[in-house]
């Protein structure tokens, strides 16, 4: 995105986006990474014991949604003022960009348990497909911006919507795969018992 913003608009726009991205994604990424590690261990333990992952997954995703709702809503409403206060008036545009990408940051936060689930279930190929779909979707927003002459903020809004759709697809796919695993296990159990 930084390169594409630079090509489509200007180095200044690319710089504001890069600053907004760094200021927001680094802390979210660090905390979400820790949550992923903890959930990976928990999911592996649950899966090894033969219990279903649906409840743990839904509780984790729901809990993250609840704990993140207020902070990310505040970023969405007051990101520009916060960045201007912290860094000065020259970064006001970066603050506006943080407000625009707040829904994407929220979804990154909520989706922390998704990748551990795909690893535990050994469904990394779905992860690859989802990432490929998400990249194509996000890149298409720049093509759209070029065709219909969107300004930087409109382009970033379209990019954020595409990113949110990609992450929502990952959350739903992980849930479907977990549910399918539970269904497959329940189908196999009667046959095993009948053989005994």
Protein backbone atom coordinates (compact mmCIF):
# COMPACT_ATOMS: atom_id res chain seq x y z
CA UNK A 1 0.00 0.00 0.00
CA UNK A 2 2.77 2.48 0.79
CA UNK A 3 4.26 2.13 -2.69
CA UNK A 4 0.86 2.25 -4.37
CA UNK A 5 -0.13 5.37 -2.43
CA UNK A 6 3.15 6.94 -3.51
CA UNK A 7 2.60 6.07 -7.18
CA UNK A 8 -1.11 6.95 -7.30
CA UNK A 9 -0.93 10.14 -5.22
CA UNK A 10 2.32 11.54 -3.80
CA UNK A 11 5.23 10.67 -1.49
CA UNK A 12 3.59 12.84 1.19
CA UNK A 13 0.40 10.75 1.12
CA UNK A 14 2.49 7.57 1.23
CA UNK A 15 4.41 8.98 4.21
CA UNK A 16 1.25 9.84 6.13
CA UNK A 17 -0.15 6.36 5.48
CA UNK A 18 3.15 4.72 6.50
CA UNK A 19 3.20 6.70 9.76
CA UNK A 20 -0.45 5.90 10.51
CA UNK A 21 0.14 2.24 9.75
CA UNK A 22 3.25 2.04 11.92
CA UNK A 23 1.75 3.90 14.87
CA UNK A 24 -1.35 1.73 14.91
CA UNK A 25 -0.36 -1.72 13.65
CA UNK A 26 2.81 -2.15 15.70
CA UNK A 27 1.11 -2.12 19.14
CA UNK A 28 -1.89 -4.08 17.82
CA UNK A 29 0.44 -6.59 16.18
CA UNK A 30 2.52 -7.12 19.33
CA UNK A 31 -0.49 -7.75 21.58
CA UNK A 32 -2.34 -9.83 18.98
CA UNK A 33 0.83 -11.88 18.44
CA UNK A 34 0.97 -12.68 22.16
CA UNK A 35 -2.70 -13.65 22.12
CA UNK A 36 -2.04 -15.91 19.11
CA UNK A 37 0.75 -17.71 20.96
CA UNK A 38 -1.40 -18.30 24.04
CA UNK A 39 -4.38 -19.45 22.00
CA UNK A 40 -2.19 -21.75 19.90
CA UNK A 41 -1.10 -23.61 23.03
CA UNK A 42 -4.65 -23.73 24.35
CA UNK A 43 -6.11 -24.89 21.02
CA UNK A 44 -3.44 -27.58 20.65
CA UNK A 45 -4.21 -28.85 24.15
CA UNK A 46 -7.97 -28.89 23.54
CA UNK A 47 -7.58 -30.59 20.17
CA UNK A 48 -5.20 -33.20 21.58
CA UNK A 49 -7.68 -34.08 24.31
CA UNK A 50 -10.35 -34.73 21.66
CA UNK A 51 -12.62 -31.90 22.74
CA UNK A 52 -14.14 -29.53 20.20
CA UNK A 53 -12.59 -26.13 19.55
CA UNK A 54 -15.84 -24.33 18.74
CA UNK A 55 -16.54 -23.06 22.27
CA UNK A 56 -12.96 -21.91 22.93
CA UNK A 57 -12.78 -20.23 19.52
CA UNK A 58 -16.08 -18.39 19.90
CA UNK A 59 -15.23 -17.31 23.46
CA UNK A 60 -11.84 -16.00 22.32
CA UNK A 61 -13.18 -14.14 19.28
CA UNK A 62 -16.15 -12.78 21.26
CA UNK A 63 -13.95 -11.77 24.20
CA UNK A 64 -11.53 -9.93 21.91
CA UNK A 65 -14.44 -8.18 20.19
CA UNK A 66 -15.79 -7.00 23.54
CA UNK A 67 -12.44 -5.86 24.94
CA UNK A 68 -11.47 -4.11 21.71
CA UNK A 69 -14.77 -2.43 20.91
CA UNK A 70 -14.33 0.67 23.09
CA UNK A 71 -10.61 1.37 22.43
CA UNK A 72 -10.92 0.96 18.67
CA UNK A 73 -14.14 2.97 18.62
CA UNK A 74 -12.24 5.77 20.39
CA UNK A 75 -9.45 5.53 17.79
CA UNK A 76 -12.09 5.73 15.05
CA UNK A 77 -13.60 8.87 16.61
CA UNK A 78 -10.56 10.65 18.07
CA UNK A 79 -7.48 9.29 16.27
CA UNK A 80 -6.77 12.55 14.51
CA UNK A 81 -6.90 14.60 17.72
CA UNK A 82 -4.72 12.06 19.55
CA UNK A 83 -2.02 12.01 16.87
CA UNK A 84 -2.07 15.81 16.55
CA UNK A 85 -1.67 16.12 20.33
CA UNK A 86 1.20 13.59 20.42
CA UNK A 87 3.12 14.51 17.25
CA UNK A 88 1.99 18.02 16.31
CA UNK A 89 -0.13 19.63 13.62
CA UNK A 90 2.05 18.47 10.73
CA UNK A 91 0.84 14.87 11.32
CA UNK A 92 -2.86 15.71 11.30
CA UNK A 93 -3.33 13.77 8.04
CA UNK A 94 -1.73 10.66 9.56
CA UNK A 95 -4.24 10.95 12.41
CA UNK A 96 -7.08 11.06 9.90
CA UNK A 97 -5.70 7.92 8.24
CA UNK A 98 -5.60 6.15 11.61
CA UNK A 99 -9.29 6.95 12.05
CA UNK A 100 -10.04 5.47 8.63
CA UNK A 101 -8.13 2.20 9.25
CA UNK A 102 -9.56 1.72 12.78
CA UNK A 103 -12.14 -0.91 11.62
CA UNK A 104 -9.33 -2.87 9.97
CA UNK A 105 -7.26 -2.71 13.18
CA UNK A 106 -10.27 -3.91 15.16
CA UNK A 107 -10.72 -6.89 12.85
CA UNK A 108 -7.00 -7.74 13.10
CA UNK A 109 -7.44 -7.74 16.87
CA UNK A 110 -10.56 -9.93 16.80
CA UNK A 111 -9.02 -12.39 14.31
CA UNK A 112 -6.03 -13.26 16.54
CA UNK A 113 -7.30 -16.85 17.24
CA UNK A 114 -7.91 -17.67 13.55
CA UNK A 115 -4.43 -18.59 12.42
CA UNK A 116 -3.68 -20.79 15.48
CA UNK A 117 -6.88 -22.73 14.73
CA UNK A 118 -5.83 -23.29 11.12
CA UNK A 119 -2.40 -24.46 12.32
CA UNK A 120 -3.82 -26.85 14.93
CA UNK A 121 -6.30 -28.31 12.43
CA UNK A 122 -3.52 -28.55 9.83
CA UNK A 123 -5.47 -26.46 7.36
CA UNK A 124 -2.70 -24.04 6.39
CA UNK A 125 -3.69 -24.33 2.72
CA UNK A 126 -6.91 -22.47 3.59
CA UNK A 127 -4.79 -19.80 5.22
CA UNK A 128 -2.81 -19.47 1.98
CA UNK A 129 -6.02 -19.23 -0.08
CA UNK A 130 -7.47 -16.62 2.28
CA UNK A 131 -4.31 -14.52 2.21
CA UNK A 132 -4.22 -14.70 -1.59
CA UNK A 133 -7.90 -13.67 -1.78
CA UNK A 134 -7.31 -10.81 0.68
CA UNK A 135 -4.28 -9.50 -1.23
CA UNK A 136 -6.17 -9.55 -4.55
CA UNK A 137 -9.15 -7.82 -2.98
CA UNK A 138 -7.01 -5.10 -1.42
CA UNK A 139 -4.96 -4.53 -4.57
CA UNK A 140 -8.17 -4.21 -6.59
CA UNK A 141 -9.09 -1.14 -4.52
CA UNK A 142 -6.16 0.72 -6.08
CA UNK A 143 -7.34 -0.28 -9.55
CA UNK A 144 -10.79 1.02 -8.61
CA UNK A 145 -9.26 4.23 -7.25
CA UNK A 146 -7.42 4.75 -10.52
CA UNK A 147 -10.48 4.07 -12.72
CA UNK A 148 -12.94 6.29 -10.86
CA UNK A 149 -10.39 8.87 -9.62
CA UNK A 150 -10.80 8.47 -5.87
CA UNK A 151 -8.91 10.81 -3.55
CA UNK A 152 -6.46 9.40 -0.95
CA UNK A 153 -9.04 9.17 1.86
CA UNK A 154 -11.61 7.44 -0.36
CA UNK A 155 -8.94 5.02 -1.58
CA UNK A 156 -7.93 4.24 2.01
CA UNK A 157 -11.58 3.73 2.94
CA UNK A 158 -11.99 1.25 0.07
CA UNK A 159 -8.74 -0.46 1.11
CA UNK A 160 -10.01 -0.72 4.71
CA UNK A 161 -13.33 -2.21 3.59
CA UNK A 162 -11.48 -4.78 1.47
CA UNK A 163 -9.23 -5.63 4.41
CA UNK A 164 -12.20 -6.03 6.76
CA UNK A 165 -13.91 -8.36 4.25
CA UNK A 166 -10.74 -10.45 3.97
CA UNK A 167 -10.39 -10.81 7.74
CA UNK A 168 -14.11 -11.56 8.17
CA UNK A 169 -13.70 -14.33 5.59
CA UNK A 170 -10.81 -15.76 7.64
CA UNK A 171 -12.85 -15.66 10.88
CA UNK A 172 -15.81 -17.41 9.22
CA UNK A 173 -13.63 -19.98 7.43
CA UNK A 174 -11.91 -20.93 10.69
CA UNK A 175 -15.31 -21.41 12.35
CA UNK A 176 -16.58 -23.54 9.46
CA UNK A 177 -13.46 -25.73 9.57
CA UNK A 178 -13.77 -26.19 13.34
CA UNK A 179 -17.46 -27.11 13.00
CA UNK A 180 -16.68 -29.49 10.17
CA UNK A 181 -14.00 -31.19 12.28
CA UNK A 182 -16.51 -31.67 15.11
CA UNK A 183 -19.10 -33.08 12.66
CA UNK A 184 -16.56 -35.46 11.12
CA UNK A 185 -15.49 -36.69 14.56
CA UNK A 186 -19.10 -37.30 15.63
CA UNK A 187 -19.76 -39.28 12.46
CA UNK A 188 -16.74 -41.47 13.10
CA UNK A 189 -17.52 -42.21 16.75
CA UNK A 190 -20.66 -44.39 16.24
CA UNK A 191 -18.81 -46.51 13.69
CA UNK A 192 -15.94 -47.09 16.09
CA UNK A 193 -18.31 -48.00 18.91
CA UNK A 194 -20.29 -50.30 16.64
CA UNK A 195 -17.12 -52.14 15.68
CA UNK A 196 -16.42 -52.82 19.35
